[in-house]
């Protein structure tokens, strides 16, 4: 019976540790307008993206906006790499 008690106490310790980490870690979420703008930009991408590609595009866009350097605005230079 003693090994079962040790297993239960270690399981409770593990659960308590995970709860403490989850509570102490703040949720960094982008504002809703950033998510809306990124989703709208993903819809305009041609050729049309698949669902998983849209999610990756939106995640990268949100990361760009929340990193402190928003994506460039205005006219794009399409011959930039030529």
N, C-alpha and C. Protein backbone atom coordinates (compact mmCIF):
# COMPACT_ATOMS: atom_id res chain seq x y z
N UNK A 1 0.80 -1.20 0.00
CA UNK A 1 0.00 0.00 0.00
C UNK A 1 0.84 1.27 0.00
N UNK A 2 2.03 1.18 0.52
CA UNK A 2 2.85 2.37 0.61
C UNK A 2 3.22 2.93 -0.76
N UNK A 3 3.57 2.11 -1.77
CA UNK A 3 3.88 2.68 -3.08
C UNK A 3 2.69 3.43 -3.69
N UNK A 4 1.48 2.99 -3.43
CA UNK A 4 0.31 3.67 -3.96
C UNK A 4 0.17 5.06 -3.35
N UNK A 5 0.42 5.19 -2.08
CA UNK A 5 0.37 6.50 -1.42
C UNK A 5 1.42 7.46 -1.98
N UNK A 6 2.60 6.93 -2.28
CA UNK A 6 3.67 7.77 -2.84
C UNK A 6 3.29 8.22 -4.25
N UNK A 7 2.66 7.33 -5.00
CA UNK A 7 2.25 7.68 -6.36
C UNK A 7 1.16 8.75 -6.34
N UNK A 8 0.23 8.64 -5.41
CA UNK A 8 -0.84 9.63 -5.32
C UNK A 8 -0.28 10.98 -4.89
N UNK A 9 0.64 10.98 -3.94
CA UNK A 9 1.20 12.26 -3.49
C UNK A 9 2.04 12.90 -4.59
N UNK A 10 2.78 12.10 -5.36
CA UNK A 10 3.57 12.68 -6.45
C UNK A 10 2.65 13.18 -7.57
N UNK A 11 1.53 12.51 -7.79
CA UNK A 11 0.57 12.96 -8.79
C UNK A 11 -0.07 14.29 -8.35
N UNK A 12 -0.41 14.39 -7.08
CA UNK A 12 -0.97 15.65 -6.57
C UNK A 12 0.04 16.78 -6.65
N UNK A 13 1.31 16.47 -6.37
CA UNK A 13 2.36 17.48 -6.50
C UNK A 13 2.51 17.94 -7.94
N UNK A 14 2.45 17.01 -8.88
CA UNK A 14 2.56 17.34 -10.29
C UNK A 14 1.39 18.22 -10.74
N UNK A 15 0.20 17.88 -10.33
CA UNK A 15 -0.98 18.67 -10.69
C UNK A 15 -0.89 20.07 -10.09
N UNK A 16 -0.50 20.16 -8.83
CA UNK A 16 -0.38 21.46 -8.18
C UNK A 16 0.69 22.32 -8.86
N UNK A 17 1.79 21.71 -9.27
CA UNK A 17 2.85 22.44 -9.96
C UNK A 17 2.36 22.97 -11.29
N UNK A 18 1.64 22.15 -12.04
CA UNK A 18 1.13 22.58 -13.35
C UNK A 18 0.10 23.69 -13.20
N UNK A 19 -0.74 23.60 -12.19
CA UNK A 19 -1.73 24.65 -11.96
C UNK A 19 -1.03 25.95 -11.58
N UNK A 20 0.00 25.87 -10.75
CA UNK A 20 0.74 27.07 -10.36
C UNK A 20 1.41 27.72 -11.56
N UNK A 21 1.97 26.93 -12.45
CA UNK A 21 2.61 27.47 -13.65
C UNK A 21 1.57 28.11 -14.57
N UNK A 22 0.42 27.46 -14.71
CA UNK A 22 -0.63 27.99 -15.58
C UNK A 22 -1.18 29.30 -15.05
N UNK A 23 -1.30 29.42 -13.75
CA UNK A 23 -1.83 30.65 -13.16
C UNK A 23 -0.79 31.77 -13.22
N UNK A 24 0.46 31.44 -13.03
CA UNK A 24 1.51 32.45 -12.99
C UNK A 24 1.86 32.97 -14.38
N UNK A 25 1.60 32.19 -15.43
CA UNK A 25 1.94 32.58 -16.79
C UNK A 25 0.81 33.42 -17.36
N UNK A 26 1.06 34.68 -17.71
CA UNK A 26 -0.01 35.49 -18.30
C UNK A 26 -0.30 35.05 -19.73
N UNK A 27 -1.53 35.24 -20.14
CA UNK A 27 -1.92 34.92 -21.51
C UNK A 27 -1.67 36.14 -22.37
N UNK A 28 -0.77 36.00 -23.31
CA UNK A 28 -0.48 37.10 -24.22
C UNK A 28 -1.35 36.92 -25.46
N UNK A 29 -2.40 37.69 -25.54
CA UNK A 29 -3.30 37.62 -26.68
C UNK A 29 -3.28 38.94 -27.41
N UNK A 30 -3.37 38.87 -28.71
CA UNK A 30 -3.41 40.08 -29.51
C UNK A 30 -4.81 40.69 -29.42
N UNK A 31 -4.91 42.00 -29.59
CA UNK A 31 -6.22 42.62 -29.61
C UNK A 31 -7.06 42.07 -30.77
N UNK A 32 -8.35 42.14 -30.63
CA UNK A 32 -9.24 41.57 -31.64
C UNK A 32 -9.06 42.26 -32.99
N UNK A 33 -8.77 43.55 -33.00
CA UNK A 33 -8.63 44.24 -34.27
C UNK A 33 -7.40 43.75 -35.03
N UNK A 34 -6.35 43.32 -34.31
CA UNK A 34 -5.17 42.78 -34.99
C UNK A 34 -5.52 41.44 -35.63
N UNK A 35 -6.24 40.60 -34.90
CA UNK A 35 -6.64 39.31 -35.47
C UNK A 35 -7.53 39.50 -36.68
N UNK A 36 -8.45 40.47 -36.61
CA UNK A 36 -9.35 40.73 -37.74
C UNK A 36 -8.57 41.22 -38.96
N UNK A 37 -7.63 42.13 -38.74
CA UNK A 37 -6.83 42.64 -39.86
C UNK A 37 -5.99 41.54 -40.50
N UNK A 38 -5.42 40.68 -39.67
CA UNK A 38 -4.58 39.60 -40.20
C UNK A 38 -5.43 38.57 -40.96
N UNK A 39 -6.61 38.28 -40.45
CA UNK A 39 -7.49 37.35 -41.14
C UNK A 39 -7.96 37.94 -42.47
N UNK A 40 -8.24 39.24 -42.49
CA UNK A 40 -8.64 39.89 -43.74
C UNK A 40 -7.49 39.88 -44.74
N UNK A 41 -6.27 40.07 -44.27
CA UNK A 41 -5.11 40.02 -45.16
C UNK A 41 -4.91 38.62 -45.70
N UNK A 42 -5.18 37.60 -44.89
CA UNK A 42 -5.01 36.21 -45.34
C UNK A 42 -6.02 35.86 -46.43
N UNK A 43 -7.19 36.45 -46.36
CA UNK A 43 -8.22 36.18 -47.37
C UNK A 43 -7.82 36.78 -48.71
N UNK A 44 -7.08 37.89 -48.68
CA UNK A 44 -6.68 38.56 -49.92
C UNK A 44 -5.49 37.91 -50.62
N UNK A 45 -4.83 36.95 -49.99
CA UNK A 45 -3.64 36.33 -50.57
C UNK A 45 -4.07 35.46 -51.76
N UNK A 46 -3.37 35.62 -52.86
CA UNK A 46 -3.61 34.80 -54.04
C UNK A 46 -2.33 34.07 -54.40
N UNK A 47 -2.37 32.82 -54.79
CA UNK A 47 -3.51 31.91 -54.89
C UNK A 47 -4.10 31.63 -53.51
N UNK A 48 -5.33 31.19 -53.50
CA UNK A 48 -6.07 30.97 -52.26
C UNK A 48 -5.34 29.96 -51.38
N UNK A 49 -5.24 30.29 -50.11
CA UNK A 49 -4.54 29.45 -49.15
C UNK A 49 -5.46 28.37 -48.59
N UNK A 50 -4.86 27.21 -48.25
CA UNK A 50 -5.62 26.18 -47.55
C UNK A 50 -5.80 26.60 -46.10
N UNK A 51 -6.64 25.85 -45.36
CA UNK A 51 -6.97 26.22 -43.99
C UNK A 51 -5.72 26.30 -43.12
N UNK A 52 -4.86 25.30 -43.21
CA UNK A 52 -3.66 25.31 -42.37
C UNK A 52 -2.70 26.42 -42.77
N UNK A 53 -2.67 26.77 -44.05
CA UNK A 53 -1.83 27.88 -44.49
C UNK A 53 -2.39 29.22 -44.01
N UNK A 54 -3.72 29.33 -43.98
CA UNK A 54 -4.34 30.56 -43.46
C UNK A 54 -4.00 30.73 -41.99
N UNK A 55 -4.09 29.66 -41.22
CA UNK A 55 -3.78 29.74 -39.80
C UNK A 55 -2.33 30.13 -39.58
N UNK A 56 -1.41 29.58 -40.38
CA UNK A 56 0.00 29.94 -40.25
C UNK A 56 0.23 31.39 -40.65
N UNK A 57 -0.45 31.85 -41.70
CA UNK A 57 -0.32 33.24 -42.14
C UNK A 57 -0.82 34.19 -41.06
N UNK A 58 -1.97 33.86 -40.47
CA UNK A 58 -2.54 34.71 -39.43
C UNK A 58 -1.62 34.72 -38.20
N UNK A 59 -1.09 33.57 -37.84
CA UNK A 59 -0.19 33.50 -36.68
C UNK A 59 1.07 34.34 -36.92
N UNK A 60 1.64 34.27 -38.11
CA UNK A 60 2.82 35.07 -38.42
C UNK A 60 2.50 36.56 -38.45
N UNK A 61 1.34 36.90 -38.99
CA UNK A 61 0.92 38.30 -39.04
C UNK A 61 0.73 38.85 -37.63
N UNK A 62 0.08 38.09 -36.76
CA UNK A 62 -0.13 38.53 -35.38
C UNK A 62 1.22 38.67 -34.68
N UNK A 63 2.13 37.75 -34.94
CA UNK A 63 3.46 37.85 -34.32
C UNK A 63 4.18 39.11 -34.80
N UNK A 64 4.03 39.45 -36.08
CA UNK A 64 4.65 40.67 -36.59
C UNK A 64 4.06 41.91 -35.93
N UNK A 65 2.74 41.94 -35.77
CA UNK A 65 2.10 43.12 -35.19
C UNK A 65 2.40 43.25 -33.71
N UNK A 66 2.47 42.15 -33.00
CA UNK A 66 2.68 42.24 -31.56
C UNK A 66 4.15 42.31 -31.18
N UNK A 67 5.06 42.18 -32.13
CA UNK A 67 6.49 42.26 -31.84
C UNK A 67 6.96 43.70 -31.74
N UNK A 68 6.06 44.65 -32.02
CA UNK A 68 6.43 46.04 -31.93
C UNK A 68 6.77 46.66 -33.27
N UNK A 69 6.87 45.84 -34.31
CA UNK A 69 7.14 46.35 -35.64
C UNK A 69 6.04 45.86 -36.57
N UNK A 70 5.04 46.69 -36.82
CA UNK A 70 3.95 46.26 -37.70
C UNK A 70 4.43 46.08 -39.14
N UNK A 71 3.74 45.28 -39.92
CA UNK A 71 4.12 45.10 -41.32
C UNK A 71 4.08 46.44 -42.06
N UNK A 72 4.89 46.60 -43.08
CA UNK A 72 4.90 47.87 -43.80
C UNK A 72 3.57 48.14 -44.47
N UNK A 73 3.22 49.41 -44.56
CA UNK A 73 1.98 49.81 -45.22
C UNK A 73 2.32 50.54 -46.51
N UNK A 74 1.30 50.71 -47.31
CA UNK A 74 1.49 51.47 -48.54
C UNK A 74 1.78 50.56 -49.71
N UNK A 75 2.27 51.16 -50.76
CA UNK A 75 2.52 50.43 -51.99
C UNK A 75 3.70 49.46 -51.82
N UNK A 76 3.52 48.28 -52.36
CA UNK A 76 4.57 47.26 -52.28
C UNK A 76 5.48 47.36 -53.50
N UNK A 77 6.74 47.15 -53.28
CA UNK A 77 7.68 47.12 -54.38
C UNK A 77 7.86 45.68 -54.81
N UNK A 78 7.27 45.32 -55.96
CA UNK A 78 7.31 43.94 -56.40
C UNK A 78 8.63 43.57 -57.07
N UNK A 79 9.39 44.55 -57.48
CA UNK A 79 10.68 44.24 -58.09
C UNK A 79 11.83 44.48 -57.10
N UNK A 80 11.56 44.29 -55.85
CA UNK A 80 12.53 44.53 -54.80
C UNK A 80 13.70 43.56 -54.88
N UNK A 81 13.48 42.31 -55.26
CA UNK A 81 14.54 41.31 -55.24
C UNK A 81 15.13 41.06 -56.62
N UNK A 82 14.92 41.95 -57.55
CA UNK A 82 15.44 41.72 -58.90
C UNK A 82 16.73 42.43 -59.11
